[in-house]
Amino acid sequence: MFCLSFFATSDGLDFNDWKIENDIYLYYWILTFKPIINYNKTYEKFIFLNEKWTSLDKYKEKIEENKKYIYYS
């Protein structure tokens, strides 16, 4: 996974340790990430790990919309 703001590997997809108190920006970034390659269901793992400490379950439609940006070869 990559982003112009930061970089994460498939071993570091849980962003809970990165957040600061009342961190609305990290929450927003997680919700609006547009995956472009989804090797071994990395995006699904990313969402699963981060919905434990966020309220992403309220945004299932947004997450499904984000999946339309994925390139499958």
Protein backbone atom coordinates (compact mmCIF):
# COMPACT_ATOMS: atom_id res chain seq x y z
CA MET A 1 0.00 0.00 0.00
CA PHE A 2 1.27 3.47 -0.67
CA CYS A 3 0.15 7.00 -0.11
CA LEU A 4 1.87 10.29 -0.74
CA SER A 5 1.60 11.02 2.99
CA PHE A 6 2.99 7.74 4.34
CA PHE A 7 3.90 4.19 3.44
CA ALA A 8 2.73 0.92 5.03
CA THR A 9 3.61 -2.69 4.34
CA SER A 10 1.29 -5.68 4.40
CA ASP A 11 2.74 -6.47 7.86
CA GLY A 12 1.76 -3.05 9.21
CA LEU A 13 -1.82 -2.50 8.15
CA ASP A 14 -3.27 -1.78 11.61
CA PHE A 15 -2.96 1.99 11.99
CA ASN A 16 -4.16 2.00 15.60
CA ASP A 17 -0.62 2.65 16.85
CA TRP A 18 -0.24 5.61 14.50
CA LYS A 19 -3.25 7.57 15.63
CA ILE A 20 -3.11 10.44 18.05
CA GLU A 21 -5.86 11.30 20.52
CA ASN A 22 -9.05 12.36 18.69
CA ASP A 23 -7.31 11.87 15.33
CA ILE A 24 -10.00 12.70 12.79
CA TYR A 25 -7.50 12.96 9.94
CA LEU A 26 -6.24 9.37 10.11
CA TYR A 27 -9.83 8.15 10.33
CA TYR A 28 -10.71 10.19 7.22
CA TRP A 29 -7.65 8.90 5.32
CA ILE A 30 -8.53 5.29 6.11
CA LEU A 31 -12.08 5.80 4.93
CA THR A 32 -11.12 7.55 1.70
CA PHE A 33 -8.10 5.47 0.61
CA LYS A 34 -8.46 4.45 -3.02
CA PRO A 35 -6.74 1.10 -3.46
CA ILE A 36 -5.31 0.56 -6.92
CA ILE A 37 -3.84 -2.93 -6.52
CA ASN A 38 -5.28 -5.49 -4.14
CA TYR A 39 -2.65 -8.23 -3.92
CA ASN A 40 -3.79 -11.11 -1.67
CA LYS A 41 -6.82 -9.10 -0.49
CA THR A 42 -4.63 -6.50 1.22
CA TYR A 43 -7.39 -3.88 1.15
CA GLU A 44 -9.84 -6.21 2.89
CA LYS A 45 -7.21 -7.03 5.55
CA PHE A 46 -6.52 -3.32 5.99
CA ILE A 47 -10.21 -2.55 6.53
CA PHE A 48 -10.66 -5.52 8.89
CA LEU A 49 -7.71 -4.53 11.08
CA ASN A 50 -8.74 -0.89 11.31
CA GLU A 51 -12.45 -1.32 11.81
CA LYS A 52 -11.61 -2.75 15.24
CA TRP A 53 -10.82 0.75 16.55
CA THR A 54 -12.88 2.85 14.15
CA SER A 55 -16.54 2.92 13.17
CA LEU A 56 -15.99 1.84 9.58
CA ASP A 57 -18.98 -0.49 9.71
CA LYS A 58 -21.12 2.64 9.22
CA TYR A 59 -19.39 3.21 5.89
CA LYS A 60 -19.65 -0.14 4.10
CA GLU A 61 -21.00 1.58 0.97
CA LYS A 62 -18.02 3.95 0.86
CA ILE A 63 -15.60 1.05 1.27
CA GLU A 64 -17.31 -0.87 -1.54
CA GLU A 65 -17.14 2.26 -3.72
CA ASN A 66 -13.39 2.51 -3.03
CA LYS A 67 -12.96 -1.00 -4.46
CA LYS A 68 -13.91 0.22 -7.95
CA TYR A 69 -10.45 1.79 -8.22
CA ILE A 70 -8.70 -1.58 -7.91
CA TYR A 71 -6.87 -2.88 -10.95
CA TYR A 72 -7.15 -6.62 -11.45
CA SER A 73 -4.77 -8.28 -13.90
